[in-house]
Amino acid sequence: MRHVDLEATVRNATAEDVLRALIRFDRYPDLAPHVRATEVHKTLPETAASSSWELYFRSGILRWTENETIDLAALTVEFAQEDGDFDVFEGVWRFTQDGADTRVRFDGDFDFGIPSMEGILDPIAERVIRETVAWAIDGSFPEVSFAGGLALTPVAAATPGQ
């Protein structure tokens, strides 16, 4: 199982506002160049939500449908693949108020279920997932910083293989 994580600080924003903005998965194709398409099936005010995803991956498209559990009181969004190209894809978003700022932590675990290909597929998927989350955060708020010095490189347009 491969783990991907990302930590960011969103300046001058409440944790609930950040959570609400980042679960607007319908906006991700405009925010993140790796995202080809998303379809939101259910979202707030429902706490049991669902969405479908298509990401540019290697020379094709990575697809899955996930279920999300949105907990506004705990400021978390848990997700787990229901169907798709991963054998397992699950994780959690956590939002923490820190004075006037919000700390965002994304943790995800995935496995394609193809041991012979994990050395090739896993690093690419980890990068694409991390960058997708980072682009969404960065594109949603004017003042964002990432832990570990992550810097996003502008791209003209994502194409299969990126």
N, C-alpha and C. Protein backbone atom coordinates (compact mmCIF):
# COMPACT_ATOMS: atom_id res chain seq x y z
N MET A 1 0.86 -1.18 0.00
CA MET A 1 0.00 0.00 0.00
C MET A 1 0.90 1.23 0.00
N ARG A 2 0.61 2.17 -0.89
CA ARG A 2 1.39 3.41 -1.00
C ARG A 2 0.64 4.52 -0.27
N HIS A 3 1.40 5.39 0.40
CA HIS A 3 0.82 6.50 1.15
C HIS A 3 1.19 7.82 0.47
N VAL A 4 0.24 8.72 0.39
CA VAL A 4 0.48 10.07 -0.11
C VAL A 4 -0.09 11.06 0.89
N ASP A 5 0.69 12.10 1.19
CA ASP A 5 0.19 13.11 2.11
C ASP A 5 0.59 14.49 1.64
N LEU A 6 -0.11 15.47 2.17
CA LEU A 6 0.17 16.86 1.84
C LEU A 6 -0.32 17.71 2.99
N GLU A 7 0.49 18.69 3.38
CA GLU A 7 0.09 19.66 4.40
C GLU A 7 0.19 21.05 3.80
N ALA A 8 -0.82 21.85 4.08
CA ALA A 8 -0.85 23.22 3.58
C ALA A 8 -1.42 24.13 4.65
N THR A 9 -1.09 25.40 4.54
CA THR A 9 -1.68 26.43 5.38
C THR A 9 -2.39 27.42 4.48
N VAL A 10 -3.65 27.64 4.77
CA VAL A 10 -4.45 28.63 4.05
C VAL A 10 -4.57 29.83 4.98
N ARG A 11 -4.06 30.95 4.54
CA ARG A 11 -4.03 32.15 5.37
C ARG A 11 -5.39 32.85 5.38
N ASN A 12 -5.74 33.35 6.56
CA ASN A 12 -6.93 34.20 6.74
C ASN A 12 -8.22 33.55 6.24
N ALA A 13 -8.44 32.30 6.65
CA ALA A 13 -9.65 31.58 6.27
C ALA A 13 -10.04 30.64 7.40
N THR A 14 -11.34 30.49 7.60
CA THR A 14 -11.80 29.58 8.65
C THR A 14 -11.74 28.15 8.14
N ALA A 15 -11.56 27.23 9.06
CA ALA A 15 -11.45 25.81 8.69
C ALA A 15 -12.71 25.32 8.00
N GLU A 16 -13.87 25.73 8.47
CA GLU A 16 -15.10 25.27 7.82
C GLU A 16 -15.21 25.83 6.41
N ASP A 17 -14.84 27.09 6.20
CA ASP A 17 -14.88 27.66 4.85
C ASP A 17 -13.92 26.93 3.91
N VAL A 18 -12.74 26.58 4.43
CA VAL A 18 -11.76 25.86 3.61
C VAL A 18 -12.30 24.47 3.25
N LEU A 19 -12.85 23.77 4.24
CA LEU A 19 -13.44 22.45 3.97
C LEU A 19 -14.53 22.57 2.90
N ARG A 20 -15.44 23.51 3.10
CA ARG A 20 -16.54 23.66 2.14
C ARG A 20 -16.03 23.97 0.72
N ALA A 21 -14.99 24.77 0.62
CA ALA A 21 -14.44 25.10 -0.70
C ALA A 21 -13.76 23.88 -1.34
N LEU A 22 -13.04 23.11 -0.54
CA LEU A 22 -12.26 22.01 -1.12
C LEU A 22 -13.09 20.77 -1.43
N ILE A 23 -14.31 20.70 -0.91
CA ILE A 23 -15.17 19.58 -1.33
C ILE A 23 -16.03 19.96 -2.53
N ARG A 24 -15.76 21.09 -3.12
CA ARG A 24 -16.39 21.47 -4.38
C ARG A 24 -15.64 20.77 -5.51
N PHE A 25 -15.76 19.45 -5.52
CA PHE A 25 -15.02 18.64 -6.48
C PHE A 25 -15.37 18.96 -7.93
N ASP A 26 -16.56 19.53 -8.15
CA ASP A 26 -16.95 19.94 -9.49
C ASP A 26 -16.02 21.01 -10.06
N ARG A 27 -15.29 21.74 -9.20
CA ARG A 27 -14.38 22.79 -9.64
C ARG A 27 -12.98 22.26 -9.99
N TYR A 28 -12.67 21.04 -9.60
CA TYR A 28 -11.30 20.52 -9.75
C TYR A 28 -10.80 20.48 -11.19
N PRO A 29 -11.62 20.18 -12.20
CA PRO A 29 -11.08 20.22 -13.57
C PRO A 29 -10.54 21.60 -13.96
N ASP A 30 -11.10 22.66 -13.38
CA ASP A 30 -10.62 24.01 -13.67
C ASP A 30 -9.43 24.39 -12.80
N LEU A 31 -9.23 23.70 -11.68
CA LEU A 31 -8.17 24.04 -10.73
C LEU A 31 -6.90 23.22 -10.90
N ALA A 32 -7.05 21.96 -11.27
CA ALA A 32 -5.92 21.03 -11.28
C ALA A 32 -5.74 20.44 -12.68
N PRO A 33 -4.58 20.65 -13.29
CA PRO A 33 -4.39 20.21 -14.67
C PRO A 33 -4.43 18.69 -14.88
N HIS A 34 -4.24 17.90 -13.82
CA HIS A 34 -4.30 16.44 -13.97
C HIS A 34 -5.74 15.93 -14.02
N VAL A 35 -6.70 16.77 -13.62
CA VAL A 35 -8.10 16.32 -13.55
C VAL A 35 -8.78 16.53 -14.89
N ARG A 36 -9.18 15.43 -15.48
CA ARG A 36 -9.91 15.49 -16.76
C ARG A 36 -11.37 15.82 -16.52
N ALA A 37 -11.98 15.15 -15.51
CA ALA A 37 -13.41 15.36 -15.23
C ALA A 37 -13.74 14.87 -13.82
N THR A 38 -14.76 15.49 -13.25
CA THR A 38 -15.34 15.02 -12.00
C THR A 38 -16.85 15.10 -12.15
N GLU A 39 -17.53 14.24 -11.41
CA GLU A 39 -18.99 14.30 -11.33
C GLU A 39 -19.36 14.12 -9.87
N VAL A 40 -20.06 15.10 -9.34
CA VAL A 40 -20.50 15.05 -7.95
C VAL A 40 -21.90 14.44 -7.93
N HIS A 41 -22.04 13.32 -7.23
CA HIS A 41 -23.34 12.65 -7.15
C HIS A 41 -24.13 13.15 -5.95
N LYS A 42 -23.47 13.34 -4.83
CA LYS A 42 -24.10 13.87 -3.60
C LYS A 42 -23.04 14.66 -2.84
N THR A 43 -23.46 15.75 -2.21
CA THR A 43 -22.56 16.54 -1.37
C THR A 43 -23.40 17.28 -0.33
N LEU A 44 -22.77 18.20 0.38
CA LEU A 44 -23.50 18.95 1.40
C LEU A 44 -24.78 19.51 0.82
N PRO A 45 -25.86 19.50 1.56
CA PRO A 45 -25.95 19.29 3.00
C PRO A 45 -25.93 17.83 3.44
N GLU A 46 -25.87 16.90 2.49
CA GLU A 46 -25.74 15.49 2.86
C GLU A 46 -24.36 15.26 3.46
N THR A 47 -24.27 14.43 4.49
CA THR A 47 -22.96 14.11 5.05
C THR A 47 -22.39 12.86 4.42
N ALA A 48 -23.24 12.03 3.81
CA ALA A 48 -22.80 10.88 3.04
C ALA A 48 -22.79 11.31 1.58
N ALA A 49 -21.60 11.59 1.05
CA ALA A 49 -21.46 12.16 -0.28
C ALA A 49 -20.82 11.14 -1.22
N SER A 50 -20.75 11.52 -2.51
CA SER A 50 -20.17 10.62 -3.50
C SER A 50 -19.75 11.43 -4.73
N SER A 51 -18.65 11.00 -5.35
CA SER A 51 -18.18 11.66 -6.56
C SER A 51 -17.41 10.67 -7.44
N SER A 52 -17.33 10.99 -8.73
CA SER A 52 -16.56 10.19 -9.69
C SER A 52 -15.47 11.07 -10.26
N TRP A 53 -14.33 10.43 -10.56
CA TRP A 53 -13.12 11.14 -10.95
C TRP A 53 -12.50 10.53 -12.20
N GLU A 54 -11.88 11.39 -13.02
CA GLU A 54 -11.03 10.97 -14.13
C GLU A 54 -9.79 11.86 -14.11
N LEU A 55 -8.62 11.23 -13.95
CA LEU A 55 -7.34 11.94 -13.94
C LEU A 55 -6.48 11.45 -15.09
N TYR A 56 -5.76 12.40 -15.71
CA TYR A 56 -4.78 12.01 -16.70
C TYR A 56 -3.68 11.25 -15.97
N PHE A 57 -3.34 10.07 -16.49
CA PHE A 57 -2.38 9.20 -15.81
C PHE A 57 -1.63 8.38 -16.84
N ARG A 58 -0.30 8.54 -16.85
CA ARG A 58 0.55 7.85 -17.82
C ARG A 58 0.02 8.09 -19.22
N SER A 59 -0.33 7.07 -19.95
CA SER A 59 -0.82 7.26 -21.32
C SER A 59 -2.33 7.05 -21.42
N GLY A 60 -3.01 7.24 -20.30
CA GLY A 60 -4.45 7.03 -20.31
C GLY A 60 -5.15 7.82 -19.22
N ILE A 61 -6.27 7.28 -18.77
CA ILE A 61 -7.11 7.94 -17.78
C ILE A 61 -7.28 7.02 -16.58
N LEU A 62 -7.09 7.55 -15.40
CA LEU A 62 -7.32 6.85 -14.14
C LEU A 62 -8.72 7.23 -13.67
N ARG A 63 -9.58 6.22 -13.43
CA ARG A 63 -10.99 6.48 -13.08
C ARG A 63 -11.35 5.79 -11.77
N TRP A 64 -12.22 6.46 -11.00
CA TRP A 64 -12.79 5.83 -9.81
C TRP A 64 -14.00 6.62 -9.34
N THR A 65 -14.84 5.96 -8.57
CA THR A 65 -15.95 6.58 -7.86
C THR A 65 -15.69 6.35 -6.38
N GLU A 66 -15.87 7.41 -5.60
CA GLU A 66 -15.60 7.31 -4.17
C GLU A 66 -16.80 7.77 -3.36
N ASN A 67 -16.87 7.25 -2.14
CA ASN A 67 -17.83 7.71 -1.16
C ASN A 67 -17.09 8.59 -0.17
N GLU A 68 -17.71 9.71 0.20
CA GLU A 68 -17.11 10.62 1.16
C GLU A 68 -18.05 10.75 2.37
N THR A 69 -17.44 10.86 3.54
CA THR A 69 -18.18 11.16 4.76
C THR A 69 -17.71 12.52 5.24
N ILE A 70 -18.61 13.49 5.21
CA ILE A 70 -18.28 14.86 5.58
C ILE A 70 -18.73 15.10 7.01
N ASP A 71 -17.80 15.47 7.87
CA ASP A 71 -18.11 15.75 9.28
C ASP A 71 -17.71 17.19 9.58
N LEU A 72 -18.68 18.10 9.51
CA LEU A 72 -18.40 19.52 9.75
C LEU A 72 -17.97 19.77 11.19
N ALA A 73 -18.51 19.03 12.15
CA ALA A 73 -18.14 19.23 13.56
C ALA A 73 -16.68 18.85 13.80
N ALA A 74 -16.25 17.73 13.20
CA ALA A 74 -14.86 17.27 13.38
C ALA A 74 -13.91 17.90 12.35
N LEU A 75 -14.48 18.59 11.36
CA LEU A 75 -13.71 19.20 10.28
C LEU A 75 -12.86 18.16 9.54
N THR A 76 -13.53 17.07 9.14
CA THR A 76 -12.87 16.01 8.38
C THR A 76 -13.74 15.59 7.19
N VAL A 77 -13.08 15.06 6.19
CA VAL A 77 -13.75 14.42 5.06
C VAL A 77 -13.01 13.12 4.81
N GLU A 78 -13.67 12.01 5.09
CA GLU A 78 -13.09 10.69 4.82
C GLU A 78 -13.59 10.22 3.46
N PHE A 79 -12.73 9.51 2.73
CA PHE A 79 -13.13 9.01 1.42
C PHE A 79 -12.63 7.58 1.24
N ALA A 80 -13.37 6.83 0.43
CA ALA A 80 -12.97 5.46 0.09
C ALA A 80 -13.55 5.13 -1.29
N GLN A 81 -12.69 4.56 -2.14
CA GLN A 81 -13.14 4.16 -3.47
C GLN A 81 -14.23 3.11 -3.34
N GLU A 82 -15.29 3.32 -4.11
CA GLU A 82 -16.37 2.34 -4.22
C GLU A 82 -16.12 1.42 -5.42
N ASP A 83 -15.63 2.02 -6.50
CA ASP A 83 -15.40 1.29 -7.73
C ASP A 83 -14.35 2.04 -8.54
N GLY A 84 -13.49 1.31 -9.25
CA GLY A 84 -12.55 2.01 -10.10
C GLY A 84 -11.25 1.27 -10.32
N ASP A 85 -10.26 2.02 -10.78
CA ASP A 85 -8.99 1.45 -11.22
C ASP A 85 -8.06 1.03 -10.10
N PHE A 86 -8.24 1.58 -8.92
CA PHE A 86 -7.43 1.15 -7.78
C PHE A 86 -8.02 -0.13 -7.21
N ASP A 87 -7.19 -0.93 -6.58
CA ASP A 87 -7.70 -2.03 -5.76
C ASP A 87 -8.22 -1.43 -4.46
N VAL A 88 -7.47 -0.45 -3.92
CA VAL A 88 -7.83 0.28 -2.71
C VAL A 88 -7.42 1.73 -2.90
N PHE A 89 -8.30 2.66 -2.55
CA PHE A 89 -7.97 4.08 -2.46
C PHE A 89 -8.85 4.68 -1.38
N GLU A 90 -8.21 5.14 -0.31
CA GLU A 90 -8.97 5.67 0.83
C GLU A 90 -8.11 6.69 1.57
N GLY A 91 -8.77 7.54 2.34
CA GLY A 91 -8.01 8.51 3.10
C GLY A 91 -8.90 9.52 3.79
N VAL A 92 -8.26 10.62 4.20
CA VAL A 92 -8.97 11.64 4.96
C VAL A 92 -8.35 13.00 4.73
N TRP A 93 -9.20 14.00 4.69
CA TRP A 93 -8.81 15.40 4.74
C TRP A 93 -9.08 15.87 6.17
N ARG A 94 -8.14 16.62 6.77
CA ARG A 94 -8.35 17.20 8.11
C ARG A 94 -8.10 18.70 8.03
N PHE A 95 -8.96 19.45 8.67
CA PHE A 95 -8.88 20.91 8.67
C PHE A 95 -8.79 21.38 10.12
N THR A 96 -7.77 22.19 10.43
CA THR A 96 -7.54 22.65 11.79
C THR A 96 -7.39 24.16 11.80
N GLN A 97 -8.17 24.82 12.66
CA GLN A 97 -8.04 26.27 12.80
C GLN A 97 -6.77 26.58 13.58
N ASP A 98 -5.97 27.50 13.09
CA ASP A 98 -4.73 27.91 13.73
C ASP A 98 -4.70 29.44 13.72
N GLY A 99 -5.33 30.04 14.71
CA GLY A 99 -5.47 31.50 14.72
C GLY A 99 -6.36 31.91 13.56
N ALA A 100 -5.88 32.84 12.74
CA ALA A 100 -6.64 33.30 11.58
C ALA A 100 -6.49 32.36 10.38
N ASP A 101 -5.59 31.39 10.48
CA ASP A 101 -5.28 30.50 9.37
C ASP A 101 -5.90 29.12 9.56
N THR A 102 -5.90 28.35 8.49
CA THR A 102 -6.36 26.96 8.54
C THR A 102 -5.24 26.05 8.04
N ARG A 103 -4.99 25.01 8.78
CA ARG A 103 -4.05 23.98 8.36
C ARG A 103 -4.86 22.86 7.72
N VAL A 104 -4.41 22.45 6.55
CA VAL A 104 -5.07 21.38 5.80
C VAL A 104 -4.10 20.21 5.74
N ARG A 105 -4.59 19.03 6.06
CA ARG A 105 -3.78 17.81 5.92
C ARG A 105 -4.58 16.81 5.11
N PHE A 106 -3.96 16.32 4.04
CA PHE A 106 -4.53 15.27 3.21
C PHE A 106 -3.68 14.03 3.39
N ASP A 107 -4.32 12.90 3.71
CA ASP A 107 -3.65 11.61 3.80
C ASP A 107 -4.44 10.62 2.97
N GLY A 108 -3.75 9.91 2.08
CA GLY A 108 -4.40 8.89 1.27
C GLY A 108 -3.53 7.66 1.14
N ASP A 109 -4.17 6.53 1.05
CA ASP A 109 -3.49 5.25 0.83
C ASP A 109 -4.10 4.61 -0.41
N PHE A 110 -3.24 4.07 -1.26
CA PHE A 110 -3.76 3.42 -2.46
C PHE A 110 -2.92 2.20 -2.80
N ASP A 111 -3.55 1.32 -3.55
CA ASP A 111 -2.90 0.11 -4.04
C ASP A 111 -3.62 -0.27 -5.33
N PHE A 112 -2.85 -0.46 -6.38
CA PHE A 112 -3.43 -0.89 -7.65
C PHE A 112 -3.69 -2.40 -7.67
N GLY A 113 -3.09 -3.12 -6.74
CA GLY A 113 -3.28 -4.56 -6.72
C GLY A 113 -2.49 -5.29 -7.80
N ILE A 114 -1.41 -4.65 -8.30
CA ILE A 114 -0.57 -5.24 -9.33
C ILE A 114 0.87 -5.17 -8.83
N PRO A 115 1.29 -6.12 -7.99
CA PRO A 115 2.63 -6.03 -7.39
C PRO A 115 3.76 -5.86 -8.40
N SER A 116 3.65 -6.49 -9.54
CA SER A 116 4.74 -6.40 -10.52
C SER A 116 4.87 -5.01 -11.14
N MET A 117 3.85 -4.17 -11.02
CA MET A 117 3.87 -2.84 -11.61
C MET A 117 4.00 -1.72 -10.59
N GLU A 118 4.03 -2.07 -9.29
CA GLU A 118 4.01 -1.00 -8.28
C GLU A 118 5.21 -0.07 -8.37
N GLY A 119 6.36 -0.57 -8.76
CA GLY A 119 7.53 0.29 -8.90
C GLY A 119 7.39 1.33 -9.99
N ILE A 120 6.54 1.06 -10.97
CA ILE A 120 6.31 1.99 -12.07
C ILE A 120 5.10 2.87 -11.79
N LEU A 121 3.98 2.25 -11.44
CA LEU A 121 2.72 2.98 -11.29
C LEU A 121 2.64 3.82 -10.02
N ASP A 122 3.08 3.27 -8.88
CA ASP A 122 2.89 3.94 -7.59
C ASP A 122 3.53 5.32 -7.50
N PRO A 123 4.79 5.50 -7.92
CA PRO A 123 5.37 6.85 -7.82
C PRO A 123 4.64 7.88 -8.68
N ILE A 124 4.19 7.46 -9.85
CA ILE A 124 3.45 8.38 -10.73
C ILE A 124 2.12 8.74 -10.10
N ALA A 125 1.40 7.75 -9.61
CA ALA A 125 0.10 8.01 -8.97
C ALA A 125 0.27 8.89 -7.74
N GLU A 126 1.29 8.64 -6.94
CA GLU A 126 1.54 9.46 -5.76
C GLU A 126 1.74 10.93 -6.15
N ARG A 127 2.56 11.16 -7.16
CA ARG A 127 2.80 12.54 -7.63
C ARG A 127 1.53 13.19 -8.15
N VAL A 128 0.77 12.46 -8.97
CA VAL A 128 -0.45 13.02 -9.57
C VAL A 128 -1.48 13.35 -8.48
N ILE A 129 -1.65 12.47 -7.51
CA ILE A 129 -2.61 12.73 -6.43
C ILE A 129 -2.16 13.94 -5.60
N ARG A 130 -0.89 13.95 -5.19
CA ARG A 130 -0.38 15.07 -4.38
C ARG A 130 -0.53 16.40 -5.13
N GLU A 131 -0.14 16.42 -6.38
CA GLU A 131 -0.24 17.66 -7.15
C GLU A 131 -1.68 18.08 -7.37
N THR A 132 -2.58 17.14 -7.57
CA THR A 132 -4.00 17.47 -7.74
C THR A 132 -4.54 18.15 -6.49
N VAL A 133 -4.23 17.60 -5.33
CA VAL A 133 -4.67 18.21 -4.08
C VAL A 133 -4.05 19.60 -3.93
N ALA A 134 -2.77 19.71 -4.20
CA ALA A 134 -2.08 21.01 -4.06
C ALA A 134 -2.66 22.05 -5.02
N TRP A 135 -2.88 21.67 -6.28
CA TRP A 135 -3.45 22.62 -7.24
C TRP A 135 -4.83 23.08 -6.78
N ALA A 136 -5.64 22.16 -6.25
CA ALA A 136 -6.99 22.53 -5.81
C ALA A 136 -6.93 23.52 -4.65
N ILE A 137 -6.05 23.28 -3.70
CA ILE A 137 -5.92 24.20 -2.57
C ILE A 137 -5.41 25.55 -3.06
N ASP A 138 -4.34 25.52 -3.84
CA ASP A 138 -3.72 26.75 -4.33
C ASP A 138 -4.69 27.58 -5.18
N GLY A 139 -5.49 26.91 -5.99
CA GLY A 139 -6.42 27.62 -6.86
C GLY A 139 -7.66 28.12 -6.16
N SER A 140 -7.91 27.64 -4.95
CA SER A 140 -9.12 28.03 -4.23
C SER A 140 -8.93 29.21 -3.29
N PHE A 141 -7.67 29.52 -2.97
CA PHE A 141 -7.39 30.56 -1.97
C PHE A 141 -6.22 31.42 -2.41
N PRO A 142 -6.25 32.72 -2.06
CA PRO A 142 -5.18 33.61 -2.50
C PRO A 142 -3.85 33.44 -1.78
N GLU A 143 -3.88 32.99 -0.52
CA GLU A 143 -2.64 32.87 0.25
C GLU A 143 -2.50 31.46 0.81
N VAL A 144 -1.64 30.67 0.17
CA VAL A 144 -1.45 29.27 0.55
C VAL A 144 0.05 28.99 0.60
N SER A 145 0.47 28.22 1.59
CA SER A 145 1.84 27.71 1.62
C SER A 145 1.78 26.22 1.90
N PHE A 146 2.77 25.51 1.39
CA PHE A 146 2.82 24.06 1.52
C PHE A 146 4.01 23.65 2.36
N ALA A 147 3.80 22.66 3.23
CA ALA A 147 4.89 22.11 4.04
C ALA A 147 5.87 21.40 3.11
N GLY A 148 7.12 21.37 3.52
CA GLY A 148 8.13 20.66 2.74
C GLY A 148 8.59 21.39 1.50
N GLY A 149 8.17 22.64 1.35
CA GLY A 149 8.64 23.42 0.21
C GLY A 149 8.04 23.03 -1.12
N LEU A 150 6.91 22.35 -1.12
CA LEU A 150 6.27 21.98 -2.39
C LEU A 150 6.00 23.22 -3.21
N ALA A 151 6.43 23.20 -4.45
CA ALA A 151 6.18 24.30 -5.37
C ALA A 151 5.51 23.74 -6.61
N LEU A 152 4.43 24.36 -7.00
CA LEU A 152 3.70 23.92 -8.19
C LEU A 152 4.28 24.59 -9.42
N THR A 153 4.52 23.81 -10.44
CA THR A 153 5.03 24.34 -11.69
C THR A 153 3.87 24.51 -12.65
N PRO A 154 3.65 25.72 -13.14
CA PRO A 154 2.54 25.92 -14.07
C PRO A 154 2.69 25.04 -15.31
N VAL A 155 1.58 24.51 -15.76
CA VAL A 155 1.57 23.70 -16.98
C VAL A 155 0.50 24.28 -17.90
N ALA A 156 0.75 24.22 -19.19
CA ALA A 156 -0.20 24.77 -20.15
C ALA A 156 -1.50 23.97 -20.13
N ALA A 157 -1.38 22.67 -20.22
CA ALA A 157 -2.55 21.79 -20.20
C ALA A 157 -2.05 20.38 -19.97
N ALA A 158 -2.78 19.66 -19.15
CA ALA A 158 -2.40 18.28 -18.90
C ALA A 158 -2.80 17.42 -20.09
N THR A 159 -1.96 16.47 -20.38
CA THR A 159 -2.27 15.50 -21.42
C THR A 159 -1.94 14.13 -20.88
N PRO A 160 -2.50 13.09 -21.44
CA PRO A 160 -2.14 11.76 -20.96
C PRO A 160 -0.63 11.60 -20.90
N GLY A 161 -0.17 11.03 -19.84
CA GLY A 161 1.25 10.80 -19.66
C GLY A 161 1.90 11.77 -18.70
N GLN A 162 1.18 12.82 -18.31
CA GLN A 162 1.76 13.79 -17.37
C GLN A 162 1.54 13.38 -15.96
